[in-house]
Structure formats: structure tokens, C-alpha cells
Amino acid sequence: MLMLQNHYETTIYLLLWLVLSGLCSFSFTGWEKSKLGNGASSWILHMATIILTANFWGFYRKEWIGVQQKTIRTILIGIMLILLSVVIVGIGNSLEKSASGKLKEQR
């Protein structure tokens, strides 16, 4: 665990983390758009990734220790719903690509 000595070190650490996460976010968004196009599906995937990463990071950092089982169950159900929605969006993109390919063949 990183132990910071003063306010200055904390500020520098947080600024570096902000820059790194921002660069990763822009890189990931660019990759999504190149693979999925500029539609809503790339935005959905990006937001789902942010939410899942934050929740898994919270579990890893033990931020959920001491909460009620109902809360943990609600979080896990939410994570499963997000994963299901990503799968549904993926299936929708696959269907769209196959349908657009068939339309091009008919022309």
C-alpha cells in the first residue's frame, strides 16, 4: 500500500493517476470506435467498462467490507445485468453487420 507523507505527495499522486486514467480512457474509446463504429454501442461498452472496473476495484480494495448481504447481492445482480447487456449489444452488432453484408450482396 502506498503511504503518502503530506498533502503535496497526495496531490501529485492523484494528478498522475488522473492523467494515466484519462489517457487509457481515450485509447480505449478510440479502439472501441475503430472496432464498433461511431454508434451507441461503443459508448455503451465504454460506460459498462468504467462501471465494472470501479466495482471490481472496490471489491479488490475491500471497500464493501461490513455492508449488508443485501447490498452485496444488489451489486452482484447489477454487475450481471451489465454483463448481460454487453452480450446483447454484441449480438445486436453481429446481426447488424450480417444484415448489412447481405444488403450489399443484393445490390
N, C-alpha and C. Protein backbone atom coordinates (compact mmCIF):
# COMPACT_ATOMS: atom_id res chain seq x y z
N MET A 1 0.84 -1.17 0.00
CA MET A 1 0.00 0.00 0.00
C MET A 1 0.89 1.24 0.00
N LEU A 2 0.54 2.19 -0.84
CA LEU A 2 1.31 3.42 -0.95
C LEU A 2 0.96 4.34 0.22
N MET A 3 1.96 4.72 0.98
CA MET A 3 1.74 5.62 2.11
C MET A 3 2.27 7.00 1.72
N LEU A 4 1.38 7.96 1.68
CA LEU A 4 1.75 9.32 1.29
C LEU A 4 2.04 10.14 2.54
N GLN A 5 3.08 10.95 2.45
CA GLN A 5 3.56 11.67 3.62
C GLN A 5 2.86 13.00 3.87
N ASN A 6 2.49 13.69 2.80
CA ASN A 6 1.90 15.00 3.01
C ASN A 6 0.90 15.32 1.89
N HIS A 7 0.32 16.49 1.98
CA HIS A 7 -0.69 16.92 1.01
C HIS A 7 -0.09 17.04 -0.38
N TYR A 8 1.13 17.51 -0.48
CA TYR A 8 1.79 17.68 -1.78
C TYR A 8 1.94 16.33 -2.49
N GLU A 9 2.41 15.32 -1.78
CA GLU A 9 2.59 14.00 -2.38
C GLU A 9 1.23 13.42 -2.81
N THR A 10 0.22 13.63 -1.99
CA THR A 10 -1.11 13.14 -2.33
C THR A 10 -1.62 13.80 -3.61
N THR A 11 -1.44 15.10 -3.72
CA THR A 11 -1.89 15.83 -4.90
C THR A 11 -1.15 15.36 -6.14
N ILE A 12 0.15 15.20 -6.07
CA ILE A 12 0.94 14.73 -7.21
C ILE A 12 0.49 13.33 -7.61
N TYR A 13 0.32 12.45 -6.63
CA TYR A 13 -0.11 11.08 -6.91
C TYR A 13 -1.47 11.07 -7.61
N LEU A 14 -2.42 11.84 -7.11
CA LEU A 14 -3.75 11.88 -7.72
C LEU A 14 -3.72 12.48 -9.12
N LEU A 15 -2.90 13.51 -9.34
CA LEU A 15 -2.79 14.09 -10.68
C LEU A 15 -2.19 13.09 -11.67
N LEU A 16 -1.17 12.37 -11.25
CA LEU A 16 -0.58 11.36 -12.13
C LEU A 16 -1.60 10.26 -12.45
N TRP A 17 -2.35 9.84 -11.45
CA TRP A 17 -3.37 8.82 -11.67
C TRP A 17 -4.46 9.33 -12.61
N LEU A 18 -4.83 10.60 -12.47
CA LEU A 18 -5.84 11.20 -13.34
C LEU A 18 -5.36 11.22 -14.79
N VAL A 19 -4.12 11.64 -15.01
CA VAL A 19 -3.56 11.68 -16.36
C VAL A 19 -3.50 10.28 -16.96
N LEU A 20 -3.02 9.32 -16.19
CA LEU A 20 -2.92 7.95 -16.68
C LEU A 20 -4.30 7.37 -17.03
N SER A 21 -5.26 7.56 -16.16
CA SER A 21 -6.60 7.02 -16.43
C SER A 21 -7.25 7.74 -17.61
N GLY A 22 -7.01 9.03 -17.75
CA GLY A 22 -7.55 9.77 -18.90
C GLY A 22 -6.96 9.28 -20.21
N LEU A 23 -5.65 9.05 -20.23
CA LEU A 23 -5.02 8.53 -21.45
C LEU A 23 -5.54 7.14 -21.80
N CYS A 24 -5.70 6.30 -20.79
CA CYS A 24 -6.24 4.96 -21.03
C CYS A 24 -7.67 5.04 -21.55
N SER A 25 -8.44 5.96 -21.00
CA SER A 25 -9.83 6.10 -21.42
C SER A 25 -9.90 6.54 -22.88
N PHE A 26 -9.09 7.52 -23.27
CA PHE A 26 -9.09 7.96 -24.66
C PHE A 26 -8.62 6.85 -25.59
N SER A 27 -7.61 6.09 -25.18
CA SER A 27 -7.12 4.99 -26.00
C SER A 27 -8.19 3.93 -26.17
N PHE A 28 -8.86 3.59 -25.09
CA PHE A 28 -9.89 2.56 -25.15
C PHE A 28 -11.06 3.03 -26.00
N THR A 29 -11.45 4.30 -25.87
CA THR A 29 -12.55 4.83 -26.67
C THR A 29 -12.20 4.80 -28.15
N GLY A 30 -10.96 5.15 -28.50
CA GLY A 30 -10.52 5.09 -29.89
C GLY A 30 -10.56 3.68 -30.43
N TRP A 31 -10.12 2.72 -29.62
CA TRP A 31 -10.14 1.33 -30.05
C TRP A 31 -11.58 0.86 -30.27
N GLU A 32 -12.47 1.24 -29.34
CA GLU A 32 -13.88 0.85 -29.48
C GLU A 32 -14.47 1.38 -30.77
N LYS A 33 -14.23 2.64 -31.05
CA LYS A 33 -14.82 3.26 -32.25
C LYS A 33 -14.26 2.64 -33.52
N SER A 34 -12.99 2.24 -33.50
CA SER A 34 -12.43 1.62 -34.69
C SER A 34 -13.00 0.23 -34.92
N LYS A 35 -13.35 -0.47 -33.85
CA LYS A 35 -13.91 -1.82 -33.97
C LYS A 35 -15.42 -1.83 -34.13
N LEU A 36 -16.12 -0.92 -33.46
CA LEU A 36 -17.58 -0.96 -33.42
C LEU A 36 -18.24 0.14 -34.22
N GLY A 37 -17.48 1.07 -34.74
CA GLY A 37 -18.08 2.20 -35.42
C GLY A 37 -18.38 3.31 -34.43
N ASN A 38 -19.02 4.34 -34.92
CA ASN A 38 -19.25 5.52 -34.09
C ASN A 38 -20.66 5.54 -33.51
N GLY A 39 -21.28 4.39 -33.37
CA GLY A 39 -22.65 4.34 -32.87
C GLY A 39 -22.73 4.29 -31.37
N ALA A 40 -23.93 3.99 -30.90
CA ALA A 40 -24.19 3.96 -29.47
C ALA A 40 -23.50 2.78 -28.78
N SER A 41 -23.24 1.71 -29.53
CA SER A 41 -22.68 0.52 -28.90
C SER A 41 -21.29 0.77 -28.33
N SER A 42 -20.49 1.60 -28.97
CA SER A 42 -19.16 1.88 -28.40
C SER A 42 -19.28 2.66 -27.10
N TRP A 43 -20.25 3.56 -27.02
CA TRP A 43 -20.46 4.33 -25.79
C TRP A 43 -20.98 3.42 -24.67
N ILE A 44 -21.87 2.51 -25.02
CA ILE A 44 -22.40 1.57 -24.03
C ILE A 44 -21.28 0.70 -23.48
N LEU A 45 -20.43 0.19 -24.36
CA LEU A 45 -19.32 -0.64 -23.92
C LEU A 45 -18.35 0.15 -23.05
N HIS A 46 -18.09 1.39 -23.41
CA HIS A 46 -17.19 2.23 -22.63
C HIS A 46 -17.73 2.48 -21.22
N MET A 47 -19.01 2.84 -21.12
CA MET A 47 -19.60 3.11 -19.81
C MET A 47 -19.68 1.84 -18.97
N ALA A 48 -20.00 0.71 -19.59
CA ALA A 48 -20.05 -0.55 -18.86
C ALA A 48 -18.68 -0.90 -18.30
N THR A 49 -17.64 -0.66 -19.09
CA THR A 49 -16.28 -0.95 -18.64
C THR A 49 -15.91 -0.08 -17.44
N ILE A 50 -16.27 1.18 -17.48
CA ILE A 50 -15.98 2.08 -16.37
C ILE A 50 -16.69 1.61 -15.09
N ILE A 51 -17.97 1.27 -15.22
CA ILE A 51 -18.74 0.84 -14.05
C ILE A 51 -18.20 -0.46 -13.48
N LEU A 52 -17.92 -1.43 -14.36
CA LEU A 52 -17.40 -2.72 -13.90
C LEU A 52 -16.03 -2.57 -13.25
N THR A 53 -15.17 -1.77 -13.87
CA THR A 53 -13.83 -1.56 -13.31
C THR A 53 -13.92 -0.93 -11.92
N ALA A 54 -14.78 0.06 -11.77
CA ALA A 54 -14.93 0.72 -10.47
C ALA A 54 -15.45 -0.25 -9.41
N ASN A 55 -16.41 -1.07 -9.78
CA ASN A 55 -16.96 -2.03 -8.81
C ASN A 55 -15.94 -3.10 -8.44
N PHE A 56 -15.24 -3.64 -9.43
CA PHE A 56 -14.23 -4.66 -9.13
C PHE A 56 -13.08 -4.06 -8.32
N TRP A 57 -12.74 -2.81 -8.60
CA TRP A 57 -11.70 -2.14 -7.82
C TRP A 57 -12.15 -1.97 -6.37
N GLY A 58 -13.42 -1.65 -6.18
CA GLY A 58 -13.96 -1.53 -4.83
C GLY A 58 -13.91 -2.85 -4.07
N PHE A 59 -14.21 -3.96 -4.76
CA PHE A 59 -14.10 -5.27 -4.12
C PHE A 59 -12.64 -5.58 -3.79
N TYR A 60 -11.75 -5.27 -4.73
CA TYR A 60 -10.32 -5.54 -4.51
C TYR A 60 -9.77 -4.74 -3.33
N ARG A 61 -10.20 -3.49 -3.21
CA ARG A 61 -9.72 -2.62 -2.14
C ARG A 61 -10.49 -2.82 -0.83
N LYS A 62 -11.40 -3.77 -0.84
CA LYS A 62 -12.20 -4.13 0.34
C LYS A 62 -13.04 -2.96 0.86
N GLU A 63 -13.58 -2.18 -0.08
CA GLU A 63 -14.45 -1.06 0.30
C GLU A 63 -15.84 -1.54 0.71
N TRP A 64 -16.18 -2.77 0.38
CA TRP A 64 -17.51 -3.28 0.67
C TRP A 64 -17.53 -4.15 1.92
N ILE A 65 -16.43 -4.18 2.66
CA ILE A 65 -16.39 -4.95 3.91
C ILE A 65 -17.35 -4.30 4.92
N GLY A 66 -18.17 -5.13 5.54
CA GLY A 66 -19.05 -4.63 6.59
C GLY A 66 -20.42 -4.19 6.13
N VAL A 67 -20.71 -4.26 4.82
CA VAL A 67 -22.05 -3.89 4.37
C VAL A 67 -22.95 -5.11 4.44
N GLN A 68 -24.23 -4.88 4.36
CA GLN A 68 -25.20 -5.96 4.46
C GLN A 68 -25.13 -6.87 3.23
N GLN A 69 -25.53 -8.12 3.41
CA GLN A 69 -25.54 -9.08 2.31
C GLN A 69 -26.47 -8.62 1.19
N LYS A 70 -27.54 -7.94 1.54
CA LYS A 70 -28.47 -7.43 0.53
C LYS A 70 -27.77 -6.44 -0.40
N THR A 71 -26.89 -5.63 0.15
CA THR A 71 -26.14 -4.68 -0.66
C THR A 71 -25.20 -5.40 -1.62
N ILE A 72 -24.47 -6.39 -1.12
CA ILE A 72 -23.56 -7.17 -1.97
C ILE A 72 -24.35 -7.87 -3.07
N ARG A 73 -25.50 -8.45 -2.70
CA ARG A 73 -26.33 -9.14 -3.69
C ARG A 73 -26.82 -8.17 -4.76
N THR A 74 -27.20 -6.97 -4.37
CA THR A 74 -27.65 -5.95 -5.33
C THR A 74 -26.52 -5.56 -6.28
N ILE A 75 -25.33 -5.39 -5.76
CA ILE A 75 -24.18 -5.05 -6.61
C ILE A 75 -23.89 -6.18 -7.59
N LEU A 76 -23.90 -7.42 -7.11
CA LEU A 76 -23.62 -8.55 -7.99
C LEU A 76 -24.69 -8.72 -9.07
N ILE A 77 -25.94 -8.49 -8.72
CA ILE A 77 -27.02 -8.54 -9.72
C ILE A 77 -26.82 -7.44 -10.75
N GLY A 78 -26.43 -6.26 -10.30
CA GLY A 78 -26.15 -5.16 -11.23
C GLY A 78 -25.01 -5.48 -12.17
N ILE A 79 -23.95 -6.09 -11.64
CA ILE A 79 -22.81 -6.48 -12.48
C ILE A 79 -23.25 -7.51 -13.52
N MET A 80 -24.06 -8.47 -13.10
CA MET A 80 -24.55 -9.49 -14.05
C MET A 80 -25.43 -8.85 -15.12
N LEU A 81 -26.26 -7.88 -14.75
CA LEU A 81 -27.10 -7.20 -15.74
C LEU A 81 -26.26 -6.41 -16.73
N ILE A 82 -25.20 -5.76 -16.25
CA ILE A 82 -24.32 -5.02 -17.15
C ILE A 82 -23.63 -5.98 -18.12
N LEU A 83 -23.14 -7.11 -17.61
CA LEU A 83 -22.51 -8.09 -18.50
C LEU A 83 -23.51 -8.64 -19.51
N LEU A 84 -24.74 -8.91 -19.08
CA LEU A 84 -25.77 -9.37 -20.00
C LEU A 84 -26.06 -8.33 -21.07
N SER A 85 -26.11 -7.06 -20.68
CA SER A 85 -26.38 -6.01 -21.67
C SER A 85 -25.25 -5.89 -22.67
N VAL A 86 -24.01 -6.10 -22.24
CA VAL A 86 -22.88 -6.07 -23.17
C VAL A 86 -23.01 -7.22 -24.17
N VAL A 87 -23.40 -8.39 -23.70
CA VAL A 87 -23.60 -9.54 -24.60
C VAL A 87 -24.72 -9.24 -25.59
N ILE A 88 -25.82 -8.66 -25.13
CA ILE A 88 -26.94 -8.33 -26.02
C ILE A 88 -26.51 -7.30 -27.06
N VAL A 89 -25.76 -6.29 -26.67
CA VAL A 89 -25.27 -5.30 -27.62
C VAL A 89 -24.34 -5.96 -28.64
N GLY A 90 -23.50 -6.89 -28.17
CA GLY A 90 -22.61 -7.62 -29.09
C GLY A 90 -23.39 -8.43 -30.10
N ILE A 91 -24.44 -9.11 -29.65
CA ILE A 91 -25.28 -9.88 -30.57
C ILE A 91 -25.96 -8.94 -31.56
N GLY A 92 -26.45 -7.80 -31.07
CA GLY A 92 -27.08 -6.82 -31.96
C GLY A 92 -26.12 -6.30 -33.01
N ASN A 93 -24.88 -6.02 -32.62
CA ASN A 93 -23.88 -5.57 -33.59
C ASN A 93 -23.59 -6.65 -34.62
N SER A 94 -23.52 -7.89 -34.16
CA SER A 94 -23.26 -9.00 -35.07
C SER A 94 -24.39 -9.15 -36.08
N LEU A 95 -25.62 -9.04 -35.61
CA LEU A 95 -26.77 -9.14 -36.50
C LEU A 95 -26.80 -7.98 -37.49
N GLU A 96 -26.45 -6.79 -37.02
CA GLU A 96 -26.43 -5.62 -37.89
C GLU A 96 -25.40 -5.79 -39.00
N LYS A 97 -24.21 -6.28 -38.65
CA LYS A 97 -23.16 -6.46 -39.65
C LYS A 97 -23.54 -7.52 -40.67
N SER A 98 -24.16 -8.62 -40.21
CA SER A 98 -24.55 -9.66 -41.15
C SER A 98 -25.68 -9.19 -42.05
N ALA A 99 -26.61 -8.38 -41.51
CA ALA A 99 -27.70 -7.84 -42.32
C ALA A 99 -27.19 -6.84 -43.33
N SER A 100 -26.25 -5.99 -42.93
CA SER A 100 -25.71 -5.00 -43.88
C SER A 100 -24.88 -5.70 -44.96
N GLY A 101 -24.22 -6.80 -44.60
CA GLY A 101 -23.46 -7.57 -45.60
C GLY A 101 -24.38 -8.20 -46.63
N LYS A 102 -25.53 -8.70 -46.19
CA LYS A 102 -26.49 -9.29 -47.12
C LYS A 102 -27.09 -8.23 -48.03
N LEU A 103 -27.32 -7.04 -47.49
CA LEU A 103 -27.85 -5.95 -48.33
C LEU A 103 -26.86 -5.56 -49.41
N LYS A 104 -25.56 -5.54 -49.07
CA LYS A 104 -24.54 -5.19 -50.06
C LYS A 104 -24.46 -6.26 -51.15
N GLU A 105 -24.66 -7.54 -50.77
CA GLU A 105 -24.62 -8.61 -51.75
C GLU A 105 -25.79 -8.53 -52.71
N GLN A 106 -26.95 -8.06 -52.24
CA GLN A 106 -28.13 -7.98 -53.08
C GLN A 106 -28.01 -6.85 -54.08
N ARG A 107 -27.23 -5.85 -53.80
CA ARG A 107 -27.10 -4.69 -54.70
C ARG A 107 -26.20 -5.05 -55.79
